[in-house]
PDB file of N, CA and C in Angstrom:
ATOM      1  N   MET A   1       0.826  -1.193   0.000  1.00  0.00           N
ATOM      2  CA  MET A   1       0.000   0.000   0.000  1.00  0.00           C
ATOM      3  C   MET A   1       0.873   1.261   0.000  1.00  0.00           C
ATOM      4  N   LEU A   2       1.876   1.303   0.881  1.00  0.00           N
ATOM      5  CA  LEU A   2       2.729   2.489   0.945  1.00  0.00           C
ATOM      6  C   LEU A   2       3.576   2.646  -0.313  1.00  0.00           C
ATOM      7  N   ILE A   3       3.955   1.519  -0.923  1.00  0.00           N
ATOM      8  CA  ILE A   3       4.723   1.594  -2.169  1.00  0.00           C
ATOM      9  C   ILE A   3       3.864   2.208  -3.269  1.00  0.00           C
ATOM     10  N   ASN A   4       2.592   1.853  -3.316  1.00  0.00           N
ATOM     11  CA  ASN A   4       1.704   2.438  -4.324  1.00  0.00           C
ATOM     12  C   ASN A   4       1.488   3.932  -4.088  1.00  0.00           C
ATOM     13  N   ILE A   5       1.442   4.350  -2.832  1.00  0.00           N
ATOM     14  CA  ILE A   5       1.343   5.782  -2.533  1.00  0.00           C
ATOM     15  C   ILE A   5       2.614   6.492  -2.993  1.00  0.00           C
ATOM     16  N   GLY A   6       3.753   5.848  -2.784  1.00  0.00           N
ATOM     17  CA  GLY A   6       5.017   6.414  -3.261  1.00  0.00           C
ATOM     18  C   GLY A   6       5.058   6.525  -4.776  1.00  0.00           C
ATOM     19  N   ARG A   7       4.543   5.508  -5.468  1.00  0.00           N
ATOM     20  CA  ARG A   7       4.483   5.566  -6.931  1.00  0.00           C
ATOM     21  C   ARG A   7       3.604   6.726  -7.391  1.00  0.00           C
ATOM     22  N   LEU A   8       2.464   6.890  -6.740  1.00  0.00           N
ATOM     23  CA  LEU A   8       1.573   7.999  -7.077  1.00  0.00           C
ATOM     24  C   LEU A   8       2.254   9.344  -6.819  1.00  0.00           C
ATOM     25  N   LEU A   9       2.974   9.440  -5.732  1.00  0.00           N
ATOM     26  CA  LEU A   9       3.720  10.656  -5.414  1.00  0.00           C
ATOM     27  C   LEU A   9       4.760  10.956  -6.494  1.00  0.00           C
ATOM     28  N   MET A  10       5.473   9.906  -6.961  1.00  0.00           N
ATOM     29  CA  MET A  10       6.478  10.119  -8.001  1.00  0.00           C
ATOM     30  C   MET A  10       5.835  10.572  -9.309  1.00  0.00           C
ATOM     31  N   LEU A  11       4.668  10.014  -9.644  1.00  0.00           N
ATOM     32  CA  LEU A  11       3.972  10.475 -10.850  1.00  0.00           C
ATOM     33  C   LEU A  11       3.572  11.939 -10.733  1.00  0.00           C
ATOM     34  N   CYS A  12       3.146  12.345  -9.544  1.00  0.00           N
ATOM     35  CA  CYS A  12       2.792  13.758  -9.333  1.00  0.00           C
ATOM     36  C   CYS A  12       4.022  14.651  -9.468  1.00  0.00           C
ATOM     37  N   ILE A  13       5.154  14.199  -8.948  1.00  0.00           N
ATOM     38  CA  ILE A  13       6.386  14.990  -9.050  1.00  0.00           C
ATOM     39  C   ILE A  13       6.819  15.110 -10.507  1.00  0.00           C
ATOM     40  N   TRP A  14       6.803  13.982 -11.245  1.00  0.00           N
ATOM     41  CA  TRP A  14       7.145  14.036 -12.664  1.00  0.00           C
ATOM     42  C   TRP A  14       6.194  14.972 -13.410  1.00  0.00           C
ATOM     43  N   GLY A  15       4.903  14.898 -13.097  1.00  0.00           N
ATOM     44  CA  GLY A  15       3.930  15.768 -13.752  1.00  0.00           C
ATOM     45  C   GLY A  15       4.175  17.241 -13.447  1.00  0.00           C
ATOM     46  N   PHE A  16       4.500  17.529 -12.192  1.00  0.00           N
ATOM     47  CA  PHE A  16       4.787  18.910 -11.792  1.00  0.00           C
ATOM     48  C   PHE A  16       6.026  19.431 -12.509  1.00  0.00           C
ATOM     49  N   LEU A  17       7.063  18.606 -12.601  1.00  0.00           N
ATOM     50  CA  LEU A  17       8.285  19.025 -13.284  1.00  0.00           C
ATOM     51  C   LEU A  17       8.061  19.165 -14.785  1.00  0.00           C
ATOM     52  N   ALA A  18       7.257  18.288 -15.382  1.00  0.00           N
ATOM     53  CA  ALA A  18       6.957  18.395 -16.811  1.00  0.00           C
ATOM     54  C   ALA A  18       6.095  19.637 -17.088  1.00  0.00           C
ATOM     55  N   PHE A  19       5.201  19.962 -16.166  1.00  0.00           N
ATOM     56  CA  PHE A  19       4.381  21.163 -16.321  1.00  0.00           C
ATOM     57  C   PHE A  19       5.259  22.413 -16.359  1.00  0.00           C
ATOM     58  N   ASN A  20       6.349  22.400 -15.591  1.00  0.00           N
ATOM     59  CA  ASN A  20       7.275  23.530 -15.603  1.00  0.00           C
ATOM     60  C   ASN A  20       7.951  23.672 -16.961  1.00  0.00           C
ATOM     61  N   LEU A  21       8.168  22.580 -17.673  1.00  0.00           N
ATOM     62  CA  LEU A  21       8.763  22.671 -19.006  1.00  0.00           C
ATOM     63  C   LEU A  21       7.783  23.239 -20.020  1.00  0.00           C
ATOM     64  N   ILE A  22       6.502  22.909 -19.862  1.00  0.00           N
ATOM     65  CA  ILE A  22       5.476  23.367 -20.800  1.00  0.00           C
ATOM     66  C   ILE A  22       5.072  24.809 -20.499  1.00  0.00           C
ATOM     67  N   HIS A  23       4.814  25.092 -19.238  1.00  0.00           N
ATOM     68  CA  HIS A  23       4.391  26.421 -18.808  1.00  0.00           C
ATOM     69  C   HIS A  23       5.292  26.840 -17.637  1.00  0.00           C
ATOM     70  N   PRO A  24       6.417  27.514 -17.927  1.00  0.00           N
ATOM     71  CA  PRO A  24       7.389  27.820 -16.865  1.00  0.00           C
ATOM     72  C   PRO A  24       6.814  28.700 -15.766  1.00  0.00           C
ATOM     73  N   PHE A  25       7.245  28.415 -14.563  1.00  0.00           N
ATOM     74  CA  PHE A  25       6.896  29.224 -13.409  1.00  0.00           C
ATOM     75  C   PHE A  25       7.756  30.479 -13.401  1.00  0.00           C
ATOM     76  N   PRO A  26       7.517  31.433 -12.481  1.00  0.00           N
ATOM     77  CA  PRO A  26       8.375  32.626 -12.404  1.00  0.00           C
ATOM     78  C   PRO A  26       9.843  32.246 -12.175  1.00  0.00           C
ATOM     79  N   LYS A  27      10.737  33.179 -12.459  1.00  0.00           N
ATOM     80  CA  LYS A  27      12.161  32.902 -12.575  1.00  0.00           C
ATOM     81  C   LYS A  27      12.821  32.147 -11.426  1.00  0.00           C
ATOM     82  N   PRO A  28      12.733  32.525 -10.184  1.00  0.00           N
ATOM     83  CA  PRO A  28      13.520  31.755  -9.202  1.00  0.00           C
ATOM     84  C   PRO A  28      13.055  30.304  -9.079  1.00  0.00           C
ATOM     85  N   ILE A  29      11.763  30.069  -9.170  1.00  0.00           N
ATOM     86  CA  ILE A  29      11.230  28.709  -9.048  1.00  0.00           C
ATOM     87  C   ILE A  29      11.545  27.908 -10.304  1.00  0.00           C
ATOM     88  N   LYS A  30      11.518  28.562 -11.466  1.00  0.00           N
ATOM     89  CA  LYS A  30      11.798  27.890 -12.731  1.00  0.00           C
ATOM     90  C   LYS A  30      13.190  27.283 -12.720  1.00  0.00           C
ATOM     91  N   TYR A  31      14.172  28.030 -12.256  1.00  0.00           N
ATOM     92  CA  TYR A  31      15.550  27.522 -12.236  1.00  0.00           C
ATOM     93  C   TYR A  31      15.693  26.351 -11.277  1.00  0.00           C
ATOM     94  N   PHE A  32      15.045  26.445 -10.133  1.00  0.00           N
ATOM     95  CA  PHE A  32      15.093  25.341  -9.174  1.00  0.00           C
ATOM     96  C   PHE A  32      14.481  24.078  -9.773  1.00  0.00           C
ATOM     97  N   LEU A  33      13.341  24.206 -10.456  1.00  0.00           N
ATOM     98  CA  LEU A  33      12.679  23.046 -11.036  1.00  0.00           C
ATOM     99  C   LEU A  33      13.442  22.496 -12.239  1.00  0.00           C
ATOM    100  N   ASP A  34      14.135  23.357 -12.983  1.00  0.00           N
ATOM    101  CA  ASP A  34      14.984  22.868 -14.071  1.00  0.00           C
ATOM    102  C   ASP A  34      16.120  22.011 -13.526  1.00  0.00           C
ATOM    103  N   VAL A  35      16.733  22.463 -12.457  1.00  0.00           N
ATOM    104  CA  VAL A  35      17.799  21.684 -11.824  1.00  0.00           C
ATOM    105  C   VAL A  35      17.221  20.392 -11.246  1.00  0.00           C
ATOM    106  N   ALA A  36      16.028  20.452 -10.684  1.00  0.00           N
ATOM    107  CA  ALA A  36      15.399  19.266 -10.090  1.00  0.00           C
ATOM    108  C   ALA A  36      15.101  18.210 -11.147  1.00  0.00           C
ATOM    109  N   ILE A  37      14.647  18.606 -12.329  1.00  0.00           N
ATOM    110  CA  ILE A  37      14.336  17.605 -13.349  1.00  0.00           C
ATOM    111  C   ILE A  37      15.617  16.980 -13.906  1.00  0.00           C
ATOM    112  N   VAL A  38      16.669  17.762 -14.033  1.00  0.00           N
ATOM    113  CA  VAL A  38      17.957  17.194 -14.464  1.00  0.00           C
ATOM    114  C   VAL A  38      18.460  16.215 -13.414  1.00  0.00           C
ATOM    115  N   PHE A  39      18.348  16.567 -12.149  1.00  0.00           N
ATOM    116  CA  PHE A  39      18.770  15.683 -11.064  1.00  0.00           C
ATOM    117  C   PHE A  39      17.942  14.397 -11.063  1.00  0.00           C
ATOM    118  N   MET A  40      16.629  14.508 -11.285  1.00  0.00           N
ATOM    119  CA  MET A  40      15.768  13.316 -11.315  1.00  0.00           C
ATOM    120  C   MET A  40      16.157  12.400 -12.470  1.00  0.00           C
ATOM    121  N   PHE A  41      16.382  12.969 -13.662  1.00  0.00           N
ATOM    122  CA  PHE A  41      16.811  12.161 -14.797  1.00  0.00           C
ATOM    123  C   PHE A  41      18.118  11.440 -14.476  1.00  0.00           C
ATOM    124  N   PHE A  42      19.062  12.173 -13.913  1.00  0.00           N
ATOM    125  CA  PHE A  42      20.365  11.596 -13.606  1.00  0.00           C
ATOM    126  C   PHE A  42      20.253  10.485 -12.562  1.00  0.00           C
ATOM    127  N   MET A  43      19.565  10.743 -11.468  1.00  0.00           N
ATOM    128  CA  MET A  43      19.489   9.762 -10.381  1.00  0.00           C
ATOM    129  C   MET A  43      18.684   8.526 -10.772  1.00  0.00           C
ATOM    130  N   HIS A  44      17.573   8.696 -11.439  1.00  0.00           N
ATOM    131  CA  HIS A  44      16.774   7.532 -11.827  1.00  0.00           C
ATOM    132  C   HIS A  44      17.462   6.742 -12.937  1.00  0.00           C
ATOM    133  N   GLY A  45      18.145   7.437 -13.840  1.00  0.00           N
ATOM    134  CA  GLY A  45      18.941   6.741 -14.850  1.00  0.00           C
ATOM    135  C   GLY A  45      20.088   5.967 -14.221  1.00  0.00           C
ATOM    136  N   LEU A  46      20.697   6.556 -13.201  1.00  0.00           N
ATOM    137  CA  LEU A  46      21.773   5.875 -12.484  1.00  0.00           C
ATOM    138  C   LEU A  46      21.255   4.632 -11.761  1.00  0.00           C
ATOM    139  N   GLN A  47      20.068   4.696 -11.202  1.00  0.00           N
ATOM    140  CA  GLN A  47      19.474   3.529 -10.552  1.00  0.00           C
ATOM    141  C   GLN A  47      19.276   2.394 -11.545  1.00  0.00           C
ATOM    142  N   VAL A  48      18.791   2.703 -12.728  1.00  0.00           N
ATOM    143  CA  VAL A  48      18.577   1.677 -13.750  1.00  0.00           C
ATOM    144  C   VAL A  48      19.921   1.092 -14.188  1.00  0.00           C
ATOM    145  N   MET A  49      20.912   1.946 -14.413  1.00  0.00           N
ATOM    146  CA  MET A  49      22.218   1.466 -14.848  1.00  0.00           C
ATOM    147  C   MET A  49      22.877   0.581 -13.796  1.00  0.00           C
ATOM    148  N   LEU A  50      22.788   0.971 -12.540  1.00  0.00           N
ATOM    149  CA  LEU A  50      23.399   0.165 -11.482  1.00  0.00           C
ATOM    150  C   LEU A  50      22.702  -1.172 -11.316  1.00  0.00           C
ATOM    151  N   LEU A  51      21.387  -1.197 -11.438  1.00  0.00           N
ATOM    152  CA  LEU A  51      20.685  -2.467 -11.329  1.00  0.00           C
ATOM    153  C   LEU A  51      21.032  -3.381 -12.496  1.00  0.00           C
ATOM    154  N   LYS A  52      21.126  -2.826 -13.707  1.00  0.00           N
ATOM    155  CA  LYS A  52      21.514  -3.637 -14.853  1.00  0.00           C
ATOM    156  C   LYS A  52      22.933  -4.169 -14.699  1.00  0.00           C
ATOM    157  N   ALA A  53      23.814  -3.376 -14.124  1.00  0.00           N
ATOM    158  CA  ALA A  53      25.201  -3.809 -13.948  1.00  0.00           C
ATOM    159  C   ALA A  53      25.322  -4.923 -12.921  1.00  0.00           C
ATOM    160  N   THR A  54      24.454  -4.963 -11.945  1.00  0.00           N
ATOM    161  CA  THR A  54      24.538  -5.993 -10.914  1.00  0.00           C
ATOM    162  C   THR A  54      23.824  -7.277 -11.305  1.00  0.00           C
ATOM    163  N   GLN A  55      23.080  -7.279 -12.402  1.00  0.00           N
ATOM    164  CA  GLN A  55      22.324  -8.460 -12.806  1.00  0.00           C
ATOM    165  C   GLN A  55      23.187  -9.523 -13.451  1.00  0.00           C
ATOM    166  N   GLY A  56      24.270  -9.172 -14.060  1.00  0.00           N
ATOM    167  CA  GLY A  56      25.107 -10.165 -14.716  1.00  0.00           C
ATOM    168  C   GLY A  56      24.539 -10.557 -16.072  1.00  0.00           C
ATOM    169  N   LYS A  57      25.029 -11.687 -16.594  1.00  0.00           N
ATOM    170  CA  LYS A  57      24.639 -12.138 -17.932  1.00  0.00           C
ATOM    171  C   LYS A  57      23.652 -13.299 -17.883  1.00  0.00           C
ATOM    172  N   GLU A  58      22.922 -13.424 -16.804  1.00  0.00           N
ATOM    173  CA  GLU A  58      21.978 -14.525 -16.668  1.00  0.00           C
ATOM    174  C   GLU A  58      20.756 -14.311 -17.552  1.00  0.00           C
ATOM    175  N   LYS A  59      19.918 -15.339 -17.618  1.00  0.00           N
ATOM    176  CA  LYS A  59      18.701 -15.242 -18.434  1.00  0.00           C
ATOM    177  C   LYS A  59      17.686 -14.280 -17.833  1.00  0.00           C
ATOM    178  N   ASP A  60      17.662 -14.165 -16.528  1.00  0.00           N
ATOM    179  CA  ASP A  60      16.617 -13.373 -15.870  1.00  0.00           C
ATOM    180  C   ASP A  60      17.021 -11.908 -15.687  1.00  0.00           C
ATOM    181  N   THR A  61      17.513 -11.290 -16.764  1.00  0.00           N
ATOM    182  CA  THR A  61      17.844  -9.876 -16.696  1.00  0.00           C
ATOM    183  C   THR A  61      16.544  -9.067 -16.720  1.00  0.00           C
ATOM    184  N   ILE A  62      16.643  -7.827 -16.341  1.00  0.00           N
ATOM    185  CA  ILE A  62      15.438  -7.000 -16.302  1.00  0.00           C
ATOM    186  C   ILE A  62      15.077  -6.553 -17.718  1.00  0.00           C
ATOM    187  N   GLY A  63      13.794  -6.530 -17.997  1.00  0.00           N
ATOM    188  CA  GLY A  63      13.303  -6.164 -19.322  1.00  0.00           C
ATOM    189  C   GLY A  63      13.115  -4.663 -19.466  1.00  0.00           C
ATOM    190  N   PRO A  64      12.793  -4.227 -20.679  1.00  0.00           N
ATOM    191  CA  PRO A  64      12.620  -2.791 -20.912  1.00  0.00           C
ATOM    192  C   PRO A  64      11.436  -2.193 -20.151  1.00  0.00           C
ATOM    193  N   TRP A  65      10.382  -2.980 -19.934  1.00  0.00           N
ATOM    194  CA  TRP A  65       9.226  -2.462 -19.193  1.00  0.00           C
ATOM    195  C   TRP A  65       9.606  -2.180 -17.742  1.00  0.00           C
ATOM    196  N   LEU A  66      10.355  -3.085 -17.112  1.00  0.00           N
ATOM    197  CA  LEU A  66      10.788  -2.876 -15.732  1.00  0.00           C
ATOM    198  C   LEU A  66      11.779  -1.726 -15.646  1.00  0.00           C
ATOM    199  N   GLN A  67      12.640  -1.591 -16.643  1.00  0.00           N
ATOM    200  CA  GLN A  67      13.577  -0.473 -16.659  1.00  0.00           C
ATOM    201  C   GLN A  67      12.834   0.863 -16.715  1.00  0.00           C
ATOM    202  N   THR A  68      11.783   0.923 -17.518  1.00  0.00           N
ATOM    203  CA  THR A  68      10.993   2.153 -17.612  1.00  0.00           C
ATOM    204  C   THR A  68      10.304   2.448 -16.286  1.00  0.00           C
ATOM    205  N   ARG A  69       9.763   1.407 -15.654  1.00  0.00           N
ATOM    206  CA  ARG A  69       9.092   1.610 -14.365  1.00  0.00           C
ATOM    207  C   ARG A  69      10.082   2.060 -13.296  1.00  0.00           C
ATOM    208  N   ILE A  70      11.285   1.499 -13.303  1.00  0.00           N
ATOM    209  CA  ILE A  70      12.300   1.929 -12.342  1.00  0.00           C
ATOM    210  C   ILE A  70      12.694   3.373 -12.610  1.00  0.00           C
ATOM    211  N   PHE A  71      12.795   3.741 -13.896  1.00  0.00           N
ATOM    212  CA  PHE A  71      13.142   5.126 -14.212  1.00  0.00           C
ATOM    213  C   PHE A  71      12.057   6.090 -13.741  1.00  0.00           C
ATOM    214  N   LEU A  72      10.798   5.715 -13.885  1.00  0.00           N
ATOM    215  CA  LEU A  72       9.705   6.605 -13.485  1.00  0.00           C
ATOM    216  C   LEU A  72       9.519   6.661 -11.972  1.00  0.00           C
ATOM    217  N   PHE A  73       9.515   5.495 -11.319  1.00  0.00           N
ATOM    218  CA  PHE A  73       9.149   5.435  -9.909  1.00  0.00           C
ATOM    219  C   PHE A  73      10.337   5.369  -8.959  1.00  0.00           C
ATOM    220  N   GLY A  74      11.526   5.133  -9.476  1.00  0.00           N
ATOM    221  CA  GLY A  74      12.724   5.153  -8.653  1.00  0.00           C
ATOM    222  C   GLY A  74      12.761   4.082  -7.590  1.00  0.00           C
ATOM    223  N   VAL A  75      13.069   4.490  -6.392  1.00  0.00           N
ATOM    224  CA  VAL A  75      13.276   3.553  -5.292  1.00  0.00           C
ATOM    225  C   VAL A  75      12.000   2.804  -4.931  1.00  0.00           C
ATOM    226  N   PHE A  76      10.852   3.357  -5.205  1.00  0.00           N
ATOM    227  CA  PHE A  76       9.596   2.672  -4.887  1.00  0.00           C
ATOM    228  C   PHE A  76       9.430   1.421  -5.754  1.00  0.00           C
ATOM    229  N   GLU A  77       9.803   1.521  -7.016  1.00  0.00           N
ATOM    230  CA  GLU A  77       9.741   0.339  -7.880  1.00  0.00           C
ATOM    231  C   GLU A  77      10.830  -0.659  -7.509  1.00  0.00           C
ATOM    232  N   LEU A  78      12.000  -0.180  -7.104  1.00  0.00           N
ATOM    233  CA  LEU A  78      13.056  -1.091  -6.680  1.00  0.00           C
ATOM    234  C   LEU A  78      12.648  -1.870  -5.428  1.00  0.00           C
ATOM    235  N   MET A  79      11.951  -1.217  -4.519  1.00  0.00           N
ATOM    236  CA  MET A  79      11.480  -1.914  -3.317  1.00  0.00           C
ATOM    237  C   MET A  79      10.440  -2.971  -3.672  1.00  0.00           C
ATOM    238  N   ALA A  80       9.528  -2.659  -4.592  1.00  0.00           N
ATOM    239  CA  ALA A  80       8.527  -3.632  -5.012  1.00  0.00           C
ATOM    240  C   ALA A  80       9.190  -4.794  -5.742  1.00  0.00           C
ATOM    241  N   TRP A  81      10.191  -4.512  -6.563  1.00  0.00           N
ATOM    242  CA  TRP A  81      10.903  -5.555  -7.294  1.00  0.00           C
ATOM    243  C   TRP A  81      11.680  -6.456  -6.334  1.00  0.00           C
ATOM    244  N   GLN A  82      12.274  -5.844  -5.312  1.00  0.00           N
ATOM    245  CA  GLN A  82      13.045  -6.609  -4.336  1.00  0.00           C
ATOM    246  C   GLN A  82      12.147  -7.578  -3.562  1.00  0.00           C
ATOM    247  N   LYS A  83      10.935  -7.167  -3.250  1.00  0.00           N
ATOM    248  CA  LYS A  83      10.012  -8.048  -2.531  1.00  0.00           C
ATOM    249  C   LYS A  83       9.616  -9.262  -3.362  1.00  0.00           C
ATOM    250  N   LYS A  84       9.609  -9.131  -4.685  1.00  0.00           N
ATOM    251  CA  LYS A  84       9.216 -10.228  -5.564  1.00  0.00           C
ATOM    252  C   LYS A  84      10.356 -11.227  -5.799  1.00  0.00           C
ATOM    253  N   GLN A  85      11.592 -10.846  -5.467  1.00  0.00           N
ATOM    254  CA  GLN A  85      12.738 -11.718  -5.712  1.00  0.00           C
ATOM    255  C   GLN A  85      12.774 -12.867  -4.721  1.00  0.00           C
ATOM    256  N   PRO A  86      13.179 -14.066  -5.178  1.00  0.00           N
ATOM    257  CA  PRO A  86      13.307 -15.181  -4.247  1.00  0.00           C
ATOM    258  C   PRO A  86      14.489 -14.943  -3.310  1.00  0.00           C
ATOM    259  N   PRO A  87      14.432 -15.501  -2.100  1.00  0.00           N
ATOM    260  CA  PRO A  87      15.554 -15.298  -1.175  1.00  0.00           C
ATOM    261  C   PRO A  87      16.812 -16.003  -1.680  1.00  0.00           C
ATOM    262  N   LEU A  88      17.955 -15.455  -1.311  1.00  0.00           N
ATOM    263  CA  LEU A  88      19.225 -16.037  -1.712  1.00  0.00           C
ATOM    264  C   LEU A  88      19.455 -17.347  -0.975  1.00  0.00           C
ATOM    265  N   PRO A  89      20.060 -18.321  -1.645  1.00  0.00           N
ATOM    266  CA  PRO A  89      20.348 -19.589  -0.952  1.00  0.00           C
ATOM    267  C   PRO A  89      21.421 -19.371   0.118  1.00  0.00           C
ATOM    268  N   THR A  90      21.252 -20.033   1.247  1.00  0.00           N
ATOM    269  CA  THR A  90      22.224 -19.906   2.324  1.00  0.00           C
ATOM    270  C   THR A  90      23.287 -20.996   2.190  1.00  0.00           C
ATOM    271  N   LYS A  91      24.501 -20.658   2.575  1.00  0.00           N
ATOM    272  CA  LYS A  91      25.596 -21.631   2.535  1.00  0.00           C
ATOM    273  C   LYS A  91      25.639 -22.400   3.846  1.00  0.00           C
ATOM    274  N   LYS A  92      25.924 -23.677   3.773  1.00  0.00           N
ATOM    275  CA  LYS A  92      26.009 -24.494   4.981  1.00  0.00           C
ATOM    276  C   LYS A  92      27.416 -24.882   5.295  1.00  0.00           C
TER     277      LYS A  92
END
């Protein structure tokens, strides 16, 4: 439930930042939001790149749909994805 609220929050943030590109706010806020959208692109892109780098060359790599969802929702999608993963085998 909380992950879905986080996803909704991220969609609202993306929408607010995209609205600033279409209809810019007054000058001091516009510059802050321009920097914020660049930071969001960079950080969410970095999350996708790091997850792809840690997956290795196995068959179960992440697909383009999951990559897009991680880029849009960030850590909220990573938390949901982590919950779906099987637990790691323990060594005896």
